[in-house]
Amino acid sequence: MEPIKCLIIGSGPAGLTAAIYASRAGLNPVVYEGMQPGGQLTQTTEIENFPGYPDGTTGNEMMEDLHKQAARFGASINWGTATKVDFSKRPFSVTIDDTTEVLAHTVIIATGASAKYLGIADETKYAGNGVSACATCDGFFYRRKTVAVVGGGDTACEEALYLASLCKKVYLIVRRDVLRASQVMQQRVMDAENIEVLFNHQTLGLTGDGVVEGANLIKFKGTDKEEQVHIDIDGFFLGIGHKPNSDVFKPFIECDEAGYIITQGKSQQTNIEGIYAAGDVADPTYRQAITSAGTGCKAAIEAERYLRDKGL
């Protein structure tokens, strides 16, 4: 089997940007789209903060544009998910869908991260119509409106504070009787006049005709003080964290405690020379399309330089 020069795993902004750069560099990259072709952006309806779209666009339209651009320069884009890897030898081995082995001199991991959800049916029912896992992405659409954020850690508090700068009112729905966030984040939330923290509340479901208009909550669940509560809201934000899609690589690739791939300094290189990580799978901080695209660009440039230096 002849090894390919560059294998890209994932097809979000990071993976497809890497494919554009790798294609133009003559690397003939092969892309496998993964479990969610187009990445998390395909679950976002409106995108107004990505440069080059002055009138905004949708997540699906933007990812289709990136897909066409990568294909135009010769990237081979395929269905399939990496289910097994062997990075202990060169060329590297990646198995797709438990059936097809691909050998590659360089690998760019751009598998993204998946937002954690509560698991209630209404999250799916109202996806893109009031339910979001990214305040920075979607908060703009709720200016001067009322929203709720679920969670009690730093992520939830950060989301609530960001939304508080845009929205009329923000409910922070906290399952426990305390916040788990750092002390400074807790204080900022408590100091915000338009954030109301609902301690000891859990979400039962969402209501609304086509879009989110309210949430049904249960207070003091399982106690003699248990009661149901309804709040009127226009948006429902998940702030319970993300899970990087890195499990299949962990036997070989160094990750932090949360599973995010660790890259070397300003580089996108992992702990193994010739293997790079880009986008949300290696980014616990920003998680934006534009930053993912930037790291995809960096990974492809580094892969090209590695191949050139090795004479491959």
Protein backbone atom coordinates (compact mmCIF):
# COMPACT_ATOMS: atom_id res chain seq x y z
CA MET A 1 0.00 0.00 0.00
CA GLU A 2 1.44 3.36 -1.05
CA PRO A 3 1.39 5.93 1.79
CA ILE A 4 -0.28 9.25 1.12
CA LYS A 5 1.52 12.46 2.04
CA CYS A 6 -1.14 14.05 4.23
CA LEU A 7 -4.19 12.54 5.90
CA ILE A 8 -6.71 14.94 7.46
CA ILE A 9 -9.21 13.53 9.94
CA GLY A 10 -12.23 15.81 10.31
CA SER A 11 -14.08 18.24 8.05
CA GLY A 12 -14.92 21.29 10.14
CA PRO A 13 -13.26 24.69 9.60
CA ALA A 14 -9.91 23.32 10.81
CA GLY A 15 -9.90 20.20 8.65
CA LEU A 16 -11.11 21.87 5.45
CA THR A 17 -8.80 24.87 5.84
CA ALA A 18 -5.93 22.42 6.30
CA ALA A 19 -7.11 20.66 3.14
CA ILE A 20 -7.10 23.93 1.17
CA TYR A 21 -3.54 24.78 2.22
CA ALA A 22 -2.25 21.22 1.84
CA SER A 23 -3.80 20.94 -1.63
CA ARG A 24 -2.29 24.20 -2.83
CA ALA A 25 1.08 22.98 -1.53
CA GLY A 26 0.81 19.89 -3.73
CA LEU A 27 0.36 17.39 -0.91
CA ASN A 28 -2.74 15.75 -2.44
CA PRO A 29 -4.40 15.47 0.99
CA VAL A 30 -7.05 12.89 1.75
CA VAL A 31 -9.82 14.02 4.10
CA TYR A 32 -12.18 11.79 6.07
CA GLU A 33 -15.21 13.73 7.19
CA GLY A 34 -15.91 11.97 10.48
CA MET A 35 -19.11 11.51 12.45
CA GLN A 36 -20.38 15.03 11.72
CA PRO A 37 -19.42 16.24 8.23
CA GLY A 38 -18.87 19.97 8.41
CA GLY A 39 -18.36 19.90 12.16
CA GLN A 40 -20.36 21.68 14.86
CA LEU A 41 -21.04 24.65 12.60
CA THR A 42 -23.62 22.63 10.70
CA GLN A 43 -25.77 22.89 13.85
CA THR A 44 -25.58 26.68 13.81
CA THR A 45 -28.22 28.53 11.84
CA GLU A 46 -26.80 32.05 11.48
CA ILE A 47 -23.11 32.98 11.34
CA GLU A 48 -22.31 36.69 11.38
CA ASN A 49 -18.81 36.82 12.86
CA PHE A 50 -16.77 34.97 10.23
CA PRO A 51 -14.78 37.37 8.00
CA GLY A 52 -15.85 37.53 4.38
CA TYR A 53 -19.59 37.19 4.92
CA PRO A 54 -20.79 40.80 5.36
CA ASP A 55 -24.45 39.78 5.27
CA GLY A 56 -23.93 36.65 7.35
CA THR A 57 -24.43 33.06 6.29
CA THR A 58 -25.59 29.74 7.71
CA GLY A 59 -23.37 27.04 9.14
CA ASN A 60 -24.26 24.62 6.36
CA GLU A 61 -23.64 27.19 3.61
CA MET A 62 -20.26 28.19 5.00
CA MET A 63 -19.10 24.60 5.36
CA GLU A 64 -20.31 23.85 1.83
CA ASP A 65 -18.22 26.79 0.59
CA LEU A 66 -15.14 25.44 2.38
CA HIS A 67 -15.85 21.95 1.04
CA LYS A 68 -16.03 23.25 -2.55
CA GLN A 69 -12.87 25.30 -2.11
CA ALA A 70 -10.88 22.32 -0.78
CA ALA A 71 -12.18 20.09 -3.57
CA ARG A 72 -11.35 22.73 -6.20
CA PHE A 73 -7.67 22.49 -5.31
CA GLY A 74 -7.69 18.69 -5.45
CA ALA A 75 -8.37 17.48 -1.92
CA SER A 76 -9.96 14.05 -1.84
CA ILE A 77 -12.88 14.29 0.61
CA ASN A 78 -14.42 11.03 1.77
CA TRP A 79 -17.07 9.73 4.15
CA GLY A 80 -15.69 7.80 7.08
CA THR A 81 -14.58 7.91 10.71
CA ALA A 82 -11.21 6.98 12.18
CA THR A 83 -11.84 4.00 14.44
CA LYS A 84 -8.28 2.82 15.10
CA VAL A 85 -4.80 4.29 14.75
CA ASP A 86 -1.24 3.07 15.07
CA PHE A 87 1.19 5.95 15.45
CA SER A 88 4.01 3.78 16.80
CA LYS A 89 5.51 3.25 13.34
CA ARG A 90 6.03 5.21 10.14
CA PRO A 91 4.22 5.67 7.90
CA PHE A 92 1.33 6.14 10.30
CA SER A 93 -1.65 3.80 10.10
CA VAL A 94 -5.28 4.93 10.44
CA THR A 95 -8.22 2.55 10.09
CA ILE A 96 -11.46 4.01 8.75
CA ASP A 97 -14.80 2.51 9.86
CA ASP A 98 -13.02 -0.64 11.09
CA THR A 99 -12.44 -1.75 7.48
CA THR A 100 -10.07 0.46 5.48
CA GLU A 101 -6.45 1.04 6.47
CA VAL A 102 -4.81 4.27 5.29
CA LEU A 103 -1.06 4.85 5.54
CA ALA A 104 0.18 8.44 5.73
CA HIS A 105 3.46 10.28 6.21
CA THR A 106 1.67 13.11 8.08
CA VAL A 107 -1.66 13.25 9.90
CA ILE A 108 -3.69 16.31 10.83
CA ILE A 109 -6.21 15.58 13.58
CA ALA A 110 -9.17 17.96 13.28
CA THR A 111 -11.93 15.91 14.87
CA GLY A 112 -13.36 18.77 16.93
CA ALA A 113 -15.23 18.61 20.20
CA SER A 114 -18.81 17.72 21.03
CA ALA A 115 -20.92 19.89 23.30
CA LYS A 116 -22.31 18.12 26.35
CA TYR A 117 -26.10 18.09 26.53
CA LEU A 118 -28.57 17.31 29.28
CA GLY A 119 -30.15 14.54 27.26
CA ILE A 120 -33.70 15.86 27.18
CA ALA A 121 -35.67 15.45 23.95
CA ASP A 122 -36.39 19.17 23.62
CA GLU A 123 -32.70 19.92 23.07
CA THR A 124 -32.98 18.15 19.74
CA LYS A 125 -36.45 19.48 18.99
CA TYR A 126 -35.35 23.11 19.32
CA ALA A 127 -31.78 22.74 18.02
CA GLY A 128 -31.02 25.89 16.05
CA ASN A 129 -34.33 27.39 17.17
CA GLY A 130 -33.44 28.61 20.62
CA VAL A 131 -31.08 25.90 21.88
CA SER A 132 -27.34 26.60 21.61
CA ALA A 133 -24.08 25.37 23.12
CA CYS A 134 -22.11 28.49 22.18
CA ALA A 135 -22.96 31.91 23.58
CA THR A 136 -20.18 33.60 21.62
CA CYS A 137 -21.56 32.14 18.39
CA ASP A 138 -25.25 32.80 18.95
CA GLY A 139 -25.62 35.35 21.74
CA PHE A 140 -25.85 38.25 19.27
CA PHE A 141 -29.26 37.00 18.14
CA TYR A 142 -30.67 37.40 21.65
CA ARG A 143 -29.87 41.06 22.22
CA ARG A 144 -32.28 42.65 24.68
CA LYS A 145 -34.03 39.30 25.15
CA THR A 146 -34.23 36.83 28.05
CA VAL A 147 -32.16 33.65 28.03
CA ALA A 148 -31.17 30.81 30.34
CA VAL A 149 -27.80 29.12 30.79
CA VAL A 150 -27.48 25.65 32.34
CA GLY A 151 -24.46 24.80 34.48
CA GLY A 152 -22.56 25.86 37.56
CA GLY A 153 -18.92 25.77 36.53
CA ASP A 154 -16.59 28.27 34.91
CA THR A 155 -17.95 27.53 31.42
CA ALA A 156 -21.52 28.31 32.45
CA CYS A 157 -20.50 31.46 34.30
CA GLU A 158 -18.46 32.70 31.35
CA GLU A 159 -21.41 32.08 29.03
CA ALA A 160 -23.80 33.83 31.42
CA LEU A 161 -21.54 36.87 31.77
CA TYR A 162 -21.09 37.16 28.02
CA LEU A 163 -24.84 36.93 27.47
CA ALA A 164 -25.49 39.42 30.27
CA SER A 165 -23.65 42.04 28.20
CA LEU A 166 -26.16 41.54 25.39
CA CYS A 167 -29.40 40.33 26.91
CA LYS A 168 -32.08 41.93 29.05
CA LYS A 169 -31.98 39.07 31.54
CA VAL A 170 -30.04 35.85 32.05
CA TYR A 171 -31.15 32.96 34.23
CA LEU A 172 -28.35 30.66 35.40
CA ILE A 173 -29.87 27.23 36.13
CA VAL A 174 -27.73 25.41 38.71
CA ARG A 175 -28.49 21.86 39.82
CA ARG A 176 -26.71 22.19 43.16
CA ASP A 177 -26.97 24.80 45.90
CA VAL A 178 -23.56 26.28 45.08
CA LEU A 179 -21.57 27.26 42.02
CA ARG A 180 -18.55 25.10 41.13
CA ALA A 181 -16.86 27.96 39.30
CA SER A 182 -13.72 29.70 40.50
CA GLN A 183 -14.26 32.32 43.18
CA VAL A 184 -13.62 35.23 40.85
CA MET A 185 -16.15 33.94 38.32
CA GLN A 186 -18.73 33.38 41.06
CA GLN A 187 -18.30 36.94 42.26
CA ARG A 188 -18.69 38.37 38.78
CA VAL A 189 -21.92 36.45 38.27
CA MET A 190 -23.31 37.57 41.62
CA ASP A 191 -22.37 41.18 40.86
CA ALA A 192 -24.14 41.19 37.49
CA GLU A 193 -27.48 42.93 37.95
CA ASN A 194 -29.24 41.09 35.13
CA ILE A 195 -28.16 37.55 36.06
CA GLU A 196 -30.49 35.60 38.33
CA VAL A 197 -29.04 32.36 39.68
CA LEU A 198 -31.60 29.60 40.17
CA PHE A 199 -29.95 27.24 42.65
CA ASN A 200 -31.35 23.73 43.18
CA HIS A 201 -33.13 23.79 39.82
CA GLN A 202 -33.07 21.19 37.04
CA THR A 203 -34.54 21.41 33.55
CA LEU A 204 -37.54 19.23 32.74
CA GLY A 205 -38.23 20.50 29.25
CA LEU A 206 -38.64 23.45 26.91
CA THR A 207 -41.78 24.99 25.52
CA GLY A 208 -42.63 27.06 22.45
CA ASP A 209 -44.28 27.00 19.05
CA GLY A 210 -41.39 26.14 16.74
CA VAL A 211 -38.91 28.19 18.78
CA VAL A 212 -38.02 28.27 22.46
CA GLU A 213 -40.40 30.43 24.45
CA GLY A 214 -40.01 28.97 27.93
CA ALA A 215 -38.51 26.30 30.17
CA ASN A 216 -40.11 24.00 32.73
CA LEU A 217 -37.89 23.43 35.74
CA ILE A 218 -38.05 21.38 38.90
CA LYS A 219 -36.85 22.90 42.15
CA PHE A 220 -35.51 20.89 45.10
CA LYS A 221 -35.98 17.64 43.21
CA GLY A 222 -36.49 14.60 45.41
CA THR A 223 -37.20 16.57 48.60
CA ASP A 224 -40.37 17.49 50.46
CA LYS A 225 -39.95 21.00 49.02
CA GLU A 226 -40.04 19.79 45.41
CA GLU A 227 -41.99 22.05 43.06
CA GLN A 228 -42.24 22.80 39.35
CA VAL A 229 -41.29 26.23 38.03
CA HIS A 230 -41.80 27.83 34.61
CA ILE A 231 -39.67 30.66 33.22
CA ASP A 232 -40.25 32.64 30.04
CA ILE A 233 -37.11 32.68 27.88
CA ASP A 234 -36.14 33.25 24.27
CA GLY A 235 -32.96 31.16 24.27
CA PHE A 236 -31.55 28.15 26.15
CA PHE A 237 -27.76 27.77 26.35
CA LEU A 238 -25.83 24.71 27.46
CA GLY A 239 -22.86 25.59 29.64
CA ILE A 240 -21.87 22.16 30.89
CA GLY A 241 -18.74 21.86 28.80
CA HIS A 242 -17.43 20.11 25.72
CA LYS A 243 -15.82 16.72 25.15
CA PRO A 244 -12.95 16.71 22.64
CA ASN A 245 -13.18 13.88 20.12
CA SER A 246 -9.76 12.49 20.92
CA ASP A 247 -10.39 9.07 22.46
CA VAL A 248 -9.16 7.02 19.50
CA PHE A 249 -5.80 8.84 19.55
CA LYS A 250 -5.12 8.70 23.29
CA PRO A 251 -2.94 5.55 23.25
CA PHE A 252 -0.36 7.55 21.29
CA ILE A 253 -1.16 11.28 21.53
CA GLU A 254 -0.65 13.33 24.69
CA CYS A 255 -3.85 14.97 25.98
CA ASP A 256 -4.72 17.06 29.01
CA GLU A 257 -7.03 15.90 31.80
CA ALA A 258 -10.13 16.93 29.85
CA GLY A 259 -8.98 15.10 26.71
CA TYR A 260 -7.82 18.09 24.65
CA ILE A 261 -4.77 17.27 22.54
CA ILE A 262 -1.65 19.07 23.74
CA THR A 263 0.33 20.86 21.04
CA GLN A 264 3.92 22.02 21.25
CA GLY A 265 4.36 25.73 21.99
CA LYS A 266 3.18 27.89 19.10
CA SER A 267 3.15 24.87 16.81
CA GLN A 268 0.24 22.54 16.03
CA GLN A 269 2.54 19.54 16.35
CA THR A 270 1.58 16.92 18.91
CA ASN A 271 4.06 14.90 20.94
CA ILE A 272 4.76 12.88 17.78
CA GLU A 273 6.67 14.52 14.94
CA GLY A 274 4.58 14.53 11.77
CA ILE A 275 1.23 14.45 13.57
CA TYR A 276 -0.61 17.72 14.10
CA ALA A 277 -3.83 18.75 15.85
CA ALA A 278 -6.02 21.66 14.80
CA GLY A 279 -9.35 23.15 15.81
CA ASP A 280 -11.51 22.40 18.82
CA VAL A 281 -9.92 19.02 19.57
CA ALA A 282 -6.88 21.01 20.74
CA ASP A 283 -8.60 24.22 21.87
CA PRO A 284 -10.36 24.35 25.26
CA THR A 285 -10.31 28.15 25.27
CA TYR A 286 -11.71 29.83 22.14
CA ARG A 287 -13.70 27.22 20.19
CA GLN A 288 -14.47 29.56 17.29
CA ALA A 289 -14.62 28.83 13.57
CA ILE A 290 -12.05 31.51 12.79
CA THR A 291 -9.50 30.22 15.33
CA SER A 292 -10.06 26.66 14.12
CA ALA A 293 -9.42 27.74 10.53
CA GLY A 294 -6.23 29.48 11.63
CA THR A 295 -4.85 26.39 13.33
CA GLY A 296 -5.82 24.29 10.31
CA CYS A 297 -3.72 26.61 8.17
CA LYS A 298 -0.79 26.31 10.59
CA ALA A 299 -1.02 22.51 10.70
CA ALA A 300 -0.95 22.21 6.91
CA ILE A 301 2.03 24.54 6.57
CA GLU A 302 3.90 22.60 9.23
CA ALA A 303 3.06 19.28 7.54
CA GLU A 304 4.36 20.59 4.21
CA ARG A 305 7.63 21.76 5.80
CA TYR A 306 8.05 18.44 7.62
CA LEU A 307 7.60 16.48 4.39
CA ARG A 308 9.98 18.74 2.54
CA ASP A 309 12.65 18.45 5.25
CA LYS A 310 12.30 14.66 5.24
CA GLY A 311 12.41 14.46 1.46
CA LEU A 312 9.03 12.79 1.32
